Amino acid sequence: MIGWLQGELADPWQQDKRCGLLLVCQGVGYEVQVSQRHWRQLPPVGTRLSLHIHQTVREDGWTLYGFGVRQERELFRELVAVSGVGPQMALGLLGCLEPDALVQAIVQADLRRLCQAPGVGRRTAERLAVELRGRLQQRFLGGLDPDPDDLAALTDAQPGDDHRDDVQHTLEALGYEVLEVHRALRAAARQQTLGEGAADWSAEDWIRECLRWLSRQAA
């Protein structure tokens, strides 16, 4: 797999929302896609350039994605590991926000900033915050403290593995957003610790308690 390339910048190109360049390395030209932010900052044609590369291999061909620093490539790989986030959406996020700002937006569940990226809707932004917050905070931000109002709901006690998926899927099917579901689960978990015999809650018990909390928030 190709992980790094160094060569001469040739033929930067832009097609619709996709941006890329041709990098000539010892007589071989590699076509590499980059974020719009990176593309706008490219040096003049003929300049020596090095890129950290993420390579995807599919039946219809190979695709190379280029990044100026290793951290940005690693962040790209975290993004595309999230369900529903493909390479173009990940490049859109990196094109809209600097890597550090993007990590902070995910860790702090700043949905407004995340939704500024092309193709990123509220549900996708919520999924990014839910699935990546812990990993990105530990890997990229060290001791940064998340906003407790936005993120406390993402980490507290939840139903056991036997019930969690059923509860989440049921509530989402009823039209509740991902963060709403996690906040409701947090509230239900608190109630569980106070309730006698609550440790034996079924999925239906969790759903009922979550719906009670959600209905109170809507009142």
N, C-alpha and C. Protein backbone atom coordinates (compact mmCIF):
# COMPACT_ATOMS: atom_id res chain seq x y z
N MET A 1 0.84 -1.20 0.00
CA MET A 1 0.00 0.00 0.00
C MET A 1 0.88 1.25 0.00
N ILE A 2 0.43 2.28 -0.70
CA ILE A 2 1.16 3.54 -0.76
C ILE A 2 0.82 4.37 0.48
N GLY A 3 1.83 4.79 1.23
CA GLY A 3 1.60 5.57 2.44
C GLY A 3 2.17 6.97 2.40
N TRP A 4 3.08 7.23 1.45
CA TRP A 4 3.73 8.54 1.36
C TRP A 4 4.31 8.70 -0.01
N LEU A 5 4.20 9.90 -0.56
CA LEU A 5 4.76 10.20 -1.88
C LEU A 5 5.47 11.54 -1.83
N GLN A 6 6.56 11.64 -2.56
CA GLN A 6 7.27 12.90 -2.73
C GLN A 6 7.60 13.07 -4.20
N GLY A 7 7.27 14.22 -4.72
CA GLY A 7 7.53 14.45 -6.14
C GLY A 7 7.30 15.89 -6.51
N GLU A 8 7.03 16.11 -7.78
CA GLU A 8 6.84 17.45 -8.32
C GLU A 8 5.37 17.68 -8.62
N LEU A 9 4.84 18.79 -8.12
CA LEU A 9 3.44 19.11 -8.33
C LEU A 9 3.19 19.44 -9.79
N ALA A 10 2.19 18.77 -10.38
CA ALA A 10 1.81 19.04 -11.76
C ALA A 10 0.30 18.93 -11.89
N ASP A 11 -0.28 19.82 -12.68
CA ASP A 11 -1.68 19.74 -13.08
C ASP A 11 -2.66 19.64 -11.89
N PRO A 12 -2.75 20.66 -11.06
CA PRO A 12 -3.85 20.68 -10.07
C PRO A 12 -5.18 20.74 -10.82
N TRP A 13 -6.17 20.03 -10.32
CA TRP A 13 -7.46 20.01 -11.01
C TRP A 13 -8.62 20.09 -10.02
N GLN A 14 -9.75 20.54 -10.52
CA GLN A 14 -10.97 20.62 -9.73
C GLN A 14 -12.14 20.22 -10.61
N GLN A 15 -12.94 19.26 -10.12
CA GLN A 15 -14.09 18.77 -10.87
C GLN A 15 -15.28 18.70 -9.94
N ASP A 16 -16.27 19.55 -10.18
CA ASP A 16 -17.39 19.71 -9.25
C ASP A 16 -16.82 20.06 -7.87
N LYS A 17 -17.10 19.24 -6.87
CA LYS A 17 -16.60 19.51 -5.52
C LYS A 17 -15.33 18.74 -5.20
N ARG A 18 -14.81 18.01 -6.17
CA ARG A 18 -13.60 17.23 -5.95
C ARG A 18 -12.37 18.01 -6.41
N CYS A 19 -11.33 17.91 -5.62
CA CYS A 19 -10.08 18.60 -5.94
C CYS A 19 -8.93 17.60 -5.91
N GLY A 20 -7.95 17.82 -6.74
CA GLY A 20 -6.82 16.90 -6.75
C GLY A 20 -5.64 17.47 -7.49
N LEU A 21 -4.66 16.62 -7.70
CA LEU A 21 -3.43 17.05 -8.36
C LEU A 21 -2.73 15.82 -8.93
N LEU A 22 -1.80 16.10 -9.81
CA LEU A 22 -0.92 15.06 -10.33
C LEU A 22 0.44 15.26 -9.68
N LEU A 23 0.94 14.23 -9.01
CA LEU A 23 2.24 14.29 -8.36
C LEU A 23 3.19 13.39 -9.13
N VAL A 24 4.21 13.99 -9.74
CA VAL A 24 5.14 13.24 -10.59
C VAL A 24 6.33 12.80 -9.74
N CYS A 25 6.45 11.49 -9.59
CA CYS A 25 7.52 10.91 -8.76
C CYS A 25 8.39 10.01 -9.64
N GLN A 26 9.60 10.45 -9.93
CA GLN A 26 10.55 9.69 -10.73
C GLN A 26 9.94 9.21 -12.05
N GLY A 27 9.27 10.12 -12.71
CA GLY A 27 8.71 9.83 -14.02
C GLY A 27 7.34 9.20 -14.02
N VAL A 28 6.79 8.92 -12.84
CA VAL A 28 5.45 8.33 -12.74
C VAL A 28 4.51 9.37 -12.12
N GLY A 29 3.37 9.60 -12.77
CA GLY A 29 2.41 10.57 -12.26
C GLY A 29 1.31 9.90 -11.45
N TYR A 30 1.16 10.31 -10.20
CA TYR A 30 0.12 9.76 -9.32
C TYR A 30 -0.99 10.80 -9.17
N GLU A 31 -2.22 10.40 -9.47
CA GLU A 31 -3.36 11.29 -9.29
C GLU A 31 -3.86 11.17 -7.85
N VAL A 32 -3.88 12.28 -7.13
CA VAL A 32 -4.19 12.28 -5.70
C VAL A 32 -5.31 13.28 -5.43
N GLN A 33 -6.31 12.84 -4.71
CA GLN A 33 -7.37 13.76 -4.28
C GLN A 33 -6.99 14.40 -2.96
N VAL A 34 -7.32 15.68 -2.82
CA VAL A 34 -7.05 16.42 -1.59
C VAL A 34 -8.29 17.23 -1.22
N SER A 35 -8.32 17.75 0.00
CA SER A 35 -9.44 18.59 0.43
C SER A 35 -9.38 19.94 -0.28
N GLN A 36 -10.50 20.62 -0.33
CA GLN A 36 -10.53 21.95 -0.96
C GLN A 36 -9.61 22.92 -0.24
N ARG A 37 -9.57 22.83 1.08
CA ARG A 37 -8.69 23.72 1.85
C ARG A 37 -7.22 23.49 1.46
N HIS A 38 -6.83 22.21 1.35
CA HIS A 38 -5.46 21.88 0.95
C HIS A 38 -5.21 22.34 -0.49
N TRP A 39 -6.17 22.13 -1.37
CA TRP A 39 -6.03 22.49 -2.78
C TRP A 39 -5.80 23.99 -2.94
N ARG A 40 -6.52 24.79 -2.16
CA ARG A 40 -6.38 26.25 -2.26
C ARG A 40 -5.00 26.72 -1.77
N GLN A 41 -4.34 25.92 -0.96
CA GLN A 41 -3.04 26.29 -0.41
C GLN A 41 -1.87 25.67 -1.15
N LEU A 42 -2.13 25.03 -2.29
CA LEU A 42 -1.05 24.38 -3.03
C LEU A 42 -0.02 25.40 -3.53
N PRO A 43 1.26 25.02 -3.53
CA PRO A 43 2.30 25.91 -4.08
C PRO A 43 2.24 25.91 -5.61
N PRO A 44 3.06 26.71 -6.26
CA PRO A 44 3.05 26.76 -7.73
C PRO A 44 3.42 25.41 -8.36
N VAL A 45 2.91 25.19 -9.56
CA VAL A 45 3.24 23.99 -10.32
C VAL A 45 4.76 23.91 -10.49
N GLY A 46 5.29 22.71 -10.35
CA GLY A 46 6.72 22.50 -10.44
C GLY A 46 7.42 22.44 -9.10
N THR A 47 6.68 22.80 -8.04
CA THR A 47 7.26 22.76 -6.69
C THR A 47 7.36 21.32 -6.19
N ARG A 48 8.43 21.03 -5.46
CA ARG A 48 8.55 19.72 -4.81
C ARG A 48 7.53 19.65 -3.70
N LEU A 49 6.85 18.50 -3.60
CA LEU A 49 5.75 18.35 -2.65
C LEU A 49 5.76 16.94 -2.10
N SER A 50 5.50 16.80 -0.81
CA SER A 50 5.35 15.47 -0.21
C SER A 50 3.98 15.38 0.44
N LEU A 51 3.37 14.20 0.34
CA LEU A 51 2.02 13.97 0.85
C LEU A 51 1.97 12.63 1.59
N HIS A 52 1.29 12.63 2.72
CA HIS A 52 0.91 11.38 3.36
C HIS A 52 -0.32 10.86 2.64
N ILE A 53 -0.34 9.57 2.34
CA ILE A 53 -1.35 9.00 1.44
C ILE A 53 -2.22 7.98 2.15
N HIS A 54 -3.51 8.07 1.88
CA HIS A 54 -4.44 6.98 2.22
C HIS A 54 -4.90 6.38 0.91
N GLN A 55 -4.73 5.08 0.77
CA GLN A 55 -5.06 4.40 -0.48
C GLN A 55 -6.26 3.49 -0.29
N THR A 56 -7.23 3.60 -1.18
CA THR A 56 -8.36 2.67 -1.18
C THR A 56 -8.28 1.83 -2.45
N VAL A 57 -8.61 0.55 -2.31
CA VAL A 57 -8.57 -0.38 -3.42
C VAL A 57 -9.95 -0.97 -3.60
N ARG A 58 -10.52 -0.79 -4.78
CA ARG A 58 -11.83 -1.33 -5.11
C ARG A 58 -11.77 -2.04 -6.46
N GLU A 59 -12.86 -2.70 -6.79
CA GLU A 59 -12.87 -3.45 -8.05
C GLU A 59 -12.68 -2.53 -9.25
N ASP A 60 -13.18 -1.29 -9.17
CA ASP A 60 -13.11 -0.39 -10.31
C ASP A 60 -11.85 0.48 -10.31
N GLY A 61 -10.94 0.25 -9.37
CA GLY A 61 -9.68 0.99 -9.40
C GLY A 61 -9.17 1.37 -8.03
N TRP A 62 -8.01 2.00 -8.02
CA TRP A 62 -7.39 2.49 -6.80
C TRP A 62 -7.59 4.00 -6.72
N THR A 63 -7.74 4.50 -5.52
CA THR A 63 -7.86 5.94 -5.31
C THR A 63 -6.88 6.35 -4.22
N LEU A 64 -6.18 7.46 -4.45
CA LEU A 64 -5.22 7.99 -3.49
C LEU A 64 -5.75 9.31 -2.93
N TYR A 65 -5.69 9.46 -1.62
CA TYR A 65 -6.08 10.69 -0.95
C TYR A 65 -4.83 11.24 -0.24
N GLY A 66 -4.54 12.52 -0.45
CA GLY A 66 -3.31 13.08 0.05
C GLY A 66 -3.52 14.10 1.16
N PHE A 67 -2.57 14.14 2.10
CA PHE A 67 -2.64 15.03 3.26
C PHE A 67 -1.26 15.58 3.57
N GLY A 68 -1.23 16.85 3.96
CA GLY A 68 0.04 17.49 4.20
C GLY A 68 0.76 16.99 5.43
N VAL A 69 0.00 16.54 6.43
CA VAL A 69 0.60 16.05 7.68
C VAL A 69 -0.04 14.71 8.04
N ARG A 70 0.71 13.91 8.78
CA ARG A 70 0.24 12.57 9.15
C ARG A 70 -1.04 12.66 10.00
N GLN A 71 -1.11 13.63 10.92
CA GLN A 71 -2.27 13.73 11.80
C GLN A 71 -3.55 13.87 11.00
N GLU A 72 -3.50 14.64 9.91
CA GLU A 72 -4.70 14.85 9.10
C GLU A 72 -5.12 13.54 8.42
N ARG A 73 -4.15 12.76 7.97
CA ARG A 73 -4.49 11.47 7.37
C ARG A 73 -5.12 10.54 8.40
N GLU A 74 -4.58 10.53 9.63
CA GLU A 74 -5.14 9.66 10.66
C GLU A 74 -6.55 10.09 11.03
N LEU A 75 -6.80 11.39 11.03
CA LEU A 75 -8.15 11.89 11.30
C LEU A 75 -9.11 11.48 10.18
N PHE A 76 -8.65 11.56 8.94
CA PHE A 76 -9.44 11.10 7.80
C PHE A 76 -9.83 9.63 7.97
N ARG A 77 -8.89 8.81 8.41
CA ARG A 77 -9.18 7.38 8.59
C ARG A 77 -10.20 7.16 9.70
N GLU A 78 -10.16 7.98 10.74
CA GLU A 78 -11.17 7.87 11.80
C GLU A 78 -12.55 8.25 11.26
N LEU A 79 -12.60 9.26 10.43
CA LEU A 79 -13.88 9.73 9.89
C LEU A 79 -14.52 8.67 9.00
N VAL A 80 -13.75 8.08 8.08
CA VAL A 80 -14.34 7.13 7.13
C VAL A 80 -14.70 5.81 7.81
N ALA A 81 -14.23 5.60 9.04
CA ALA A 81 -14.62 4.39 9.78
C ALA A 81 -16.02 4.50 10.36
N VAL A 82 -16.60 5.71 10.34
CA VAL A 82 -17.95 5.92 10.86
C VAL A 82 -18.96 5.55 9.79
N SER A 83 -19.98 4.81 10.17
CA SER A 83 -21.01 4.39 9.22
C SER A 83 -21.66 5.60 8.56
N GLY A 84 -21.73 5.57 7.24
CA GLY A 84 -22.37 6.65 6.50
C GLY A 84 -21.43 7.78 6.10
N VAL A 85 -20.17 7.70 6.50
CA VAL A 85 -19.20 8.73 6.15
C VAL A 85 -18.20 8.14 5.16
N GLY A 86 -18.27 8.57 3.92
CA GLY A 86 -17.35 8.10 2.90
C GLY A 86 -16.19 9.05 2.72
N PRO A 87 -15.27 8.71 1.83
CA PRO A 87 -14.09 9.56 1.61
C PRO A 87 -14.41 10.99 1.20
N GLN A 88 -15.42 11.18 0.35
CA GLN A 88 -15.73 12.54 -0.10
C GLN A 88 -16.30 13.38 1.04
N MET A 89 -17.13 12.79 1.88
CA MET A 89 -17.65 13.53 3.02
C MET A 89 -16.52 13.85 4.00
N ALA A 90 -15.62 12.89 4.21
CA ALA A 90 -14.49 13.14 5.11
C ALA A 90 -13.61 14.26 4.57
N LEU A 91 -13.36 14.27 3.26
CA LEU A 91 -12.59 15.37 2.66
C LEU A 91 -13.34 16.69 2.80
N GLY A 92 -14.68 16.63 2.69
CA GLY A 92 -15.47 17.84 2.86
C GLY A 92 -15.34 18.41 4.25
N LEU A 93 -15.34 17.55 5.26
CA LEU A 93 -15.15 18.00 6.64
C LEU A 93 -13.77 18.61 6.83
N LEU A 94 -12.75 17.95 6.28
CA LEU A 94 -11.38 18.46 6.41
C LEU A 94 -11.17 19.72 5.56
N GLY A 95 -11.97 19.86 4.51
CA GLY A 95 -11.87 21.07 3.70
C GLY A 95 -12.56 22.26 4.34
N CYS A 96 -13.53 21.97 5.19
CA CYS A 96 -14.30 23.03 5.84
C CYS A 96 -13.63 23.52 7.12
N LEU A 97 -12.96 22.61 7.83
CA LEU A 97 -12.36 22.94 9.12
C LEU A 97 -10.92 22.45 9.17
N GLU A 98 -10.06 23.24 9.82
CA GLU A 98 -8.71 22.77 10.10
C GLU A 98 -8.79 21.52 10.99
N PRO A 99 -7.81 20.61 10.90
CA PRO A 99 -7.90 19.36 11.69
C PRO A 99 -8.17 19.58 13.17
N ASP A 100 -7.46 20.51 13.81
CA ASP A 100 -7.68 20.74 15.24
C ASP A 100 -9.09 21.24 15.51
N ALA A 101 -9.57 22.14 14.64
CA ALA A 101 -10.93 22.67 14.83
C ALA A 101 -11.97 21.58 14.61
N LEU A 102 -11.72 20.68 13.66
CA LEU A 102 -12.66 19.59 13.39
C LEU A 102 -12.72 18.64 14.57
N VAL A 103 -11.56 18.29 15.12
CA VAL A 103 -11.54 17.42 16.29
C VAL A 103 -12.31 18.05 17.44
N GLN A 104 -12.10 19.31 17.69
CA GLN A 104 -12.80 19.98 18.78
C GLN A 104 -14.30 20.03 18.53
N ALA A 105 -14.69 20.27 17.28
CA ALA A 105 -16.12 20.30 16.97
C ALA A 105 -16.78 18.95 17.24
N ILE A 106 -16.08 17.86 16.93
CA ILE A 106 -16.62 16.52 17.18
C ILE A 106 -16.64 16.23 18.68
N VAL A 107 -15.55 16.53 19.36
CA VAL A 107 -15.46 16.25 20.80
C VAL A 107 -16.49 17.05 21.58
N GLN A 108 -16.74 18.29 21.16
CA GLN A 108 -17.68 19.16 21.86
C GLN A 108 -19.09 19.08 21.30
N ALA A 109 -19.31 18.15 20.36
CA ALA A 109 -20.63 17.97 19.74
C ALA A 109 -21.18 19.27 19.19
N ASP A 110 -20.32 20.02 18.50
CA ASP A 110 -20.74 21.28 17.89
C ASP A 110 -21.39 20.96 16.55
N LEU A 111 -22.65 20.60 16.59
CA LEU A 111 -23.34 20.14 15.39
C LEU A 111 -23.45 21.23 14.34
N ARG A 112 -23.60 22.47 14.76
CA ARG A 112 -23.72 23.57 13.80
C ARG A 112 -22.47 23.65 12.93
N ARG A 113 -21.29 23.55 13.53
CA ARG A 113 -20.06 23.64 12.75
C ARG A 113 -19.88 22.41 11.86
N LEU A 114 -20.22 21.25 12.37
CA LEU A 114 -20.07 20.03 11.57
C LEU A 114 -20.99 20.05 10.35
N CYS A 115 -22.18 20.60 10.53
CA CYS A 115 -23.15 20.63 9.43
C CYS A 115 -22.80 21.65 8.35
N GLN A 116 -21.77 22.45 8.57
CA GLN A 116 -21.32 23.38 7.53
C GLN A 116 -20.60 22.66 6.40
N ALA A 117 -20.12 21.45 6.66
CA ALA A 117 -19.41 20.69 5.63
C ALA A 117 -20.40 20.15 4.60
N PRO A 118 -20.01 20.07 3.33
CA PRO A 118 -20.91 19.58 2.28
C PRO A 118 -21.41 18.17 2.56
N GLY A 119 -22.72 17.99 2.49
CA GLY A 119 -23.32 16.67 2.63
C GLY A 119 -23.50 16.19 4.05
N VAL A 120 -23.09 16.97 5.04
CA VAL A 120 -23.20 16.55 6.44
C VAL A 120 -24.49 17.11 7.03
N GLY A 121 -25.43 16.21 7.34
CA GLY A 121 -26.67 16.60 7.98
C GLY A 121 -26.59 16.41 9.48
N ARG A 122 -27.67 16.75 10.15
CA ARG A 122 -27.67 16.69 11.62
C ARG A 122 -27.44 15.27 12.13
N ARG A 123 -28.09 14.28 11.51
CA ARG A 123 -27.93 12.91 11.99
C ARG A 123 -26.47 12.43 11.83
N THR A 124 -25.85 12.77 10.71
CA THR A 124 -24.46 12.38 10.52
C THR A 124 -23.56 13.08 11.53
N ALA A 125 -23.82 14.37 11.77
CA ALA A 125 -23.02 15.11 12.75
C ALA A 125 -23.17 14.49 14.13
N GLU A 126 -24.38 14.09 14.49
CA GLU A 126 -24.60 13.44 15.79
C GLU A 126 -23.86 12.11 15.86
N ARG A 127 -23.89 11.36 14.76
CA ARG A 127 -23.20 10.06 14.74
C ARG A 127 -21.69 10.25 14.92
N LEU A 128 -21.14 11.28 14.29
CA LEU A 128 -19.72 11.57 14.46
C LEU A 128 -19.39 11.86 15.92
N ALA A 129 -20.24 12.69 16.55
CA ALA A 129 -19.99 13.04 17.95
C ALA A 129 -20.11 11.82 18.86
N VAL A 130 -21.11 11.00 18.61
CA VAL A 130 -21.34 9.83 19.47
C VAL A 130 -20.23 8.80 19.31
N GLU A 131 -19.84 8.51 18.05
CA GLU A 131 -18.91 7.41 17.80
C GLU A 131 -17.44 7.80 17.97
N LEU A 132 -17.10 9.07 17.73
CA LEU A 132 -15.69 9.45 17.70
C LEU A 132 -15.23 10.27 18.89
N ARG A 133 -16.15 10.80 19.67
CA ARG A 133 -15.76 11.72 20.73
C ARG A 133 -14.66 11.17 21.62
N GLY A 134 -14.87 9.97 22.14
CA GLY A 134 -13.90 9.40 23.07
C GLY A 134 -12.55 9.15 22.42
N ARG A 135 -12.57 8.55 21.22
CA ARG A 135 -11.31 8.21 20.55
C ARG A 135 -10.52 9.46 20.17
N LEU A 136 -11.22 10.46 19.64
CA LEU A 136 -10.52 11.66 19.21
C LEU A 136 -10.00 12.46 20.40
N GLN A 137 -10.77 12.50 21.46
CA GLN A 137 -10.33 13.22 22.65
C GLN A 137 -9.03 12.61 23.19
N GLN A 138 -8.98 11.30 23.25
CA GLN A 138 -7.81 10.61 23.78
C GLN A 138 -6.63 10.69 22.81
N ARG A 139 -6.91 10.55 21.52
CA ARG A 139 -5.84 10.43 20.54
C ARG A 139 -5.25 11.77 20.11
N PHE A 140 -6.11 12.80 19.99
CA PHE A 140 -5.65 14.06 19.42
C PHE A 140 -5.63 15.23 20.39
N LEU A 141 -6.47 15.19 21.44
CA LEU A 141 -6.60 16.36 22.29
C LEU A 141 -6.09 16.17 23.70
N GLY A 142 -5.72 14.97 24.06
CA GLY A 142 -5.19 14.76 25.40
C GLY A 142 -6.19 15.11 26.47
N GLY A 143 -5.90 16.17 27.22
CA GLY A 143 -6.72 16.49 28.39
C GLY A 143 -7.84 17.47 28.14
N LEU A 144 -8.20 17.75 26.89
CA LEU A 144 -9.28 18.70 26.66
C LEU A 144 -10.57 18.21 27.28
N ASP A 145 -11.21 19.06 28.06
CA ASP A 145 -12.47 18.69 28.71
C ASP A 145 -13.63 19.03 27.80
N PRO A 146 -14.51 18.08 27.50
CA PRO A 146 -15.67 18.36 26.68
C PRO A 146 -16.68 19.20 27.42
N ASP A 147 -17.59 19.81 26.67
CA ASP A 147 -18.67 20.59 27.26
C ASP A 147 -19.64 19.64 27.94
N PRO A 148 -19.82 19.70 29.26
CA PRO A 148 -20.66 18.73 29.95
C PRO A 148 -22.11 18.82 29.53
N ASP A 149 -22.59 19.98 29.12
CA ASP A 149 -24.00 20.10 28.73
C ASP A 149 -24.28 19.34 27.45
N ASP A 150 -23.30 19.30 26.53
CA ASP A 150 -23.52 18.64 25.25
C ASP A 150 -23.14 17.18 25.26
N LEU A 151 -22.17 16.79 26.12
CA LEU A 151 -21.56 15.48 25.97
C LEU A 151 -21.74 14.53 27.13
N ALA A 152 -22.27 15.00 28.25
CA ALA A 152 -22.40 14.10 29.38
C ALA A 152 -23.29 12.92 29.04
N ALA A 153 -24.22 13.14 28.15
CA ALA A 153 -25.16 12.08 27.81
C ALA A 153 -24.53 10.95 27.01
N LEU A 154 -23.32 11.13 26.52
CA LEU A 154 -22.75 10.14 25.61
C LEU A 154 -22.01 9.02 26.30
N THR A 155 -21.72 9.15 27.60
CA THR A 155 -20.81 8.20 28.22
C THR A 155 -21.35 7.49 29.44
N ASP A 156 -22.50 7.90 29.97
CA ASP A 156 -22.98 7.30 31.20
C ASP A 156 -23.58 5.93 30.97
N ALA A 157 -24.03 5.34 32.07
CA ALA A 157 -24.59 3.99 32.03
C ALA A 157 -25.73 3.90 31.03
N GLN A 158 -25.80 2.75 30.36
CA GLN A 158 -26.85 2.50 29.39
C GLN A 158 -27.30 1.06 29.54
N PRO A 159 -28.34 0.67 28.80
CA PRO A 159 -28.78 -0.72 28.89
C PRO A 159 -27.66 -1.68 28.53
N GLY A 160 -27.76 -2.90 29.01
CA GLY A 160 -26.79 -3.92 28.67
C GLY A 160 -26.82 -4.24 27.19
N ASP A 161 -25.81 -4.98 26.76
CA ASP A 161 -25.69 -5.30 25.34
C ASP A 161 -26.94 -5.98 24.79
N ASP A 162 -27.65 -6.72 25.65
CA ASP A 162 -28.83 -7.44 25.18
C ASP A 162 -29.95 -6.50 24.77
N HIS A 163 -29.97 -5.28 25.34
CA HIS A 163 -31.09 -4.37 25.11
C HIS A 163 -30.72 -3.10 24.37
N ARG A 164 -29.43 -2.71 24.38
CA ARG A 164 -29.06 -1.38 23.91
C ARG A 164 -29.52 -1.12 22.49
N ASP A 165 -29.23 -2.02 21.58
CA ASP A 165 -29.59 -1.79 20.18
C ASP A 165 -31.09 -1.68 20.00
N ASP A 166 -31.84 -2.55 20.68
CA ASP A 166 -33.30 -2.50 20.56
C ASP A 166 -33.84 -1.16 21.02
N VAL A 167 -33.32 -0.68 22.14
CA VAL A 167 -33.81 0.59 22.68
C VAL A 167 -33.47 1.74 21.73
N GLN A 168 -32.23 1.80 21.29
CA GLN A 168 -31.81 2.90 20.42
C GLN A 168 -32.56 2.88 19.10
N HIS A 169 -32.68 1.71 18.50
CA HIS A 169 -33.35 1.63 17.20
C HIS A 169 -34.83 1.99 17.33
N THR A 170 -35.46 1.57 18.42
CA THR A 170 -36.88 1.89 18.61
C THR A 170 -37.09 3.39 18.75
N LEU A 171 -36.27 4.03 19.56
CA LEU A 171 -36.42 5.47 19.78
C LEU A 171 -36.09 6.26 18.52
N GLU A 172 -35.08 5.84 17.79
CA GLU A 172 -34.74 6.53 16.55
C GLU A 172 -35.84 6.34 15.51
N ALA A 173 -36.46 5.16 15.49
CA ALA A 173 -37.57 4.91 14.57
C ALA A 173 -38.77 5.80 14.88
N LEU A 174 -38.88 6.21 16.13
CA LEU A 174 -39.96 7.10 16.55
C LEU A 174 -39.66 8.57 16.21
N GLY A 175 -38.49 8.81 15.64
CA GLY A 175 -38.16 10.16 15.17
C GLY A 175 -37.23 10.95 16.06
N TYR A 176 -36.70 10.33 17.11
CA TYR A 176 -35.81 11.07 18.00
C TYR A 176 -34.39 11.06 17.45
N GLU A 177 -33.69 12.19 17.65
CA GLU A 177 -32.31 12.32 17.18
C GLU A 177 -31.37 11.51 18.07
N VAL A 178 -30.15 11.26 17.53
CA VAL A 178 -29.19 10.41 18.24
C VAL A 178 -28.84 10.98 19.61
N LEU A 179 -28.56 12.29 19.66
CA LEU A 179 -28.19 12.88 20.94
C LEU A 179 -29.36 12.89 21.91
N GLU A 180 -30.58 13.09 21.39
CA GLU A 180 -31.76 13.01 22.25
C GLU A 180 -31.87 11.63 22.88
N VAL A 181 -31.61 10.61 22.08
CA VAL A 181 -31.70 9.23 22.58
C VAL A 181 -30.67 9.01 23.68
N HIS A 182 -29.46 9.46 23.48
CA HIS A 182 -28.42 9.24 24.48
C HIS A 182 -28.71 10.03 25.76
N ARG A 183 -29.26 11.22 25.63
CA ARG A 183 -29.61 11.98 26.83
C ARG A 183 -30.74 11.28 27.58
N ALA A 184 -31.69 10.73 26.84
CA ALA A 184 -32.78 10.01 27.48
C ALA A 184 -32.26 8.76 28.20
N LEU A 185 -31.32 8.08 27.57
CA LEU A 185 -30.74 6.89 28.20
C LEU A 185 -29.98 7.27 29.47
N ARG A 186 -29.31 8.40 29.44
CA ARG A 186 -28.62 8.86 30.65
C ARG A 186 -29.61 9.12 31.77
N ALA A 187 -30.68 9.82 31.43
CA ALA A 187 -31.70 10.11 32.44
C ALA A 187 -32.34 8.84 32.98
N ALA A 188 -32.61 7.88 32.09
CA ALA A 188 -33.19 6.61 32.52
C ALA A 188 -32.22 5.84 33.40
N ALA A 189 -30.92 5.93 33.08
CA ALA A 189 -29.91 5.24 33.90
C ALA A 189 -29.88 5.80 35.31
N ARG A 190 -30.04 7.12 35.41
CA ARG A 190 -30.10 7.73 36.74
C ARG A 190 -31.31 7.22 37.51
N GLN A 191 -32.44 7.15 36.80
CA GLN A 191 -33.66 6.66 37.45
C GLN A 191 -33.51 5.21 37.85
N GLN A 192 -32.78 4.45 37.03
CA GLN A 192 -32.58 3.04 37.32
C GLN A 192 -31.85 2.85 38.65
N THR A 193 -30.87 3.70 38.90
CA THR A 193 -30.11 3.54 40.14
C THR A 193 -30.95 3.84 41.37
N LEU A 194 -32.05 4.56 41.18
CA LEU A 194 -32.92 4.91 42.31
C LEU A 194 -34.07 3.92 42.48
N GLY A 195 -34.37 3.19 41.42
CA GLY A 195 -35.54 2.33 41.45
C GLY A 195 -35.27 0.96 42.03
N GLU A 196 -36.20 0.46 42.78
CA GLU A 196 -36.06 -0.87 43.38
C GLU A 196 -36.29 -1.92 42.32
N GLY A 197 -35.34 -2.82 42.16
CA GLY A 197 -35.46 -3.87 41.15
C GLY A 197 -35.18 -3.41 39.75
N ALA A 198 -34.66 -2.16 39.61
CA ALA A 198 -34.43 -1.60 38.28
C ALA A 198 -33.31 -2.30 37.54
N ALA A 199 -32.45 -2.98 38.27
CA ALA A 199 -31.34 -3.68 37.60
C ALA A 199 -31.84 -4.75 36.64
N ASP A 200 -33.08 -5.17 36.82
CA ASP A 200 -33.64 -6.21 35.96
C ASP A 200 -34.51 -5.63 34.85
N TRP A 201 -34.35 -4.35 34.55
CA TRP A 201 -35.16 -3.72 33.51
C TRP A 201 -35.02 -4.47 32.18
N SER A 202 -36.14 -4.61 31.50
CA SER A 202 -36.15 -5.15 30.14
C SER A 202 -36.00 -4.00 29.15
N ALA A 203 -35.90 -4.34 27.87
CA ALA A 203 -35.81 -3.29 26.85
C ALA A 203 -37.05 -2.41 26.89
N GLU A 204 -38.22 -3.03 27.13
CA GLU A 204 -39.46 -2.26 27.20
C GLU A 204 -39.44 -1.28 28.37
N ASP A 205 -38.83 -1.68 29.48
CA ASP A 205 -38.72 -0.77 30.63
C ASP A 205 -37.85 0.43 30.28
N TRP A 206 -36.73 0.18 29.61
CA TRP A 206 -35.86 1.27 29.21
C TRP A 206 -36.58 2.22 28.25
N ILE A 207 -37.27 1.65 27.27
CA ILE A 207 -37.99 2.48 26.29
C ILE A 207 -39.05 3.32 26.98
N ARG A 208 -39.80 2.71 27.88
CA ARG A 208 -40.86 3.44 28.59
C ARG A 208 -40.28 4.60 29.40
N GLU A 209 -39.18 4.34 30.11
CA GLU A 209 -38.58 5.40 30.93
C GLU A 209 -37.99 6.50 30.07
N CYS A 210 -37.37 6.12 28.95
CA CYS A 210 -36.84 7.13 28.03
C CYS A 210 -37.95 8.00 27.46
N LEU A 211 -39.05 7.38 27.08
CA LEU A 211 -40.17 8.13 26.51
C LEU A 211 -40.77 9.08 27.54
N ARG A 212 -40.81 8.67 28.79
CA ARG A 212 -41.31 9.57 29.84
C ARG A 212 -40.43 10.81 29.93
N TRP A 213 -39.11 10.59 29.91
CA TRP A 213 -38.19 11.73 30.00
C TRP A 213 -38.31 12.62 28.77
N LEU A 214 -38.38 12.02 27.59
CA LEU A 214 -38.47 12.79 26.36
C LEU A 214 -39.76 13.61 26.30
N SER A 215 -40.85 13.02 26.78
CA SER A 215 -42.13 13.75 26.77
C SER A 215 -42.09 14.94 27.71
N ARG A 216 -41.37 14.80 28.83
CA ARG A 216 -41.25 15.92 29.76
C ARG A 216 -40.43 17.05 29.15
N GLN A 217 -39.40 16.68 28.35
CA GLN A 217 -38.58 17.72 27.72
C GLN A 217 -39.36 18.48 26.66
N ALA A 218 -40.30 17.80 26.01
CA ALA A 218 -41.08 18.45 24.96
C ALA A 218 -42.21 19.30 25.50
N ALA A 219 -42.56 19.08 26.76
CA ALA A 219 -43.71 19.81 27.36
C ALA A 219 -43.39 21.28 27.54
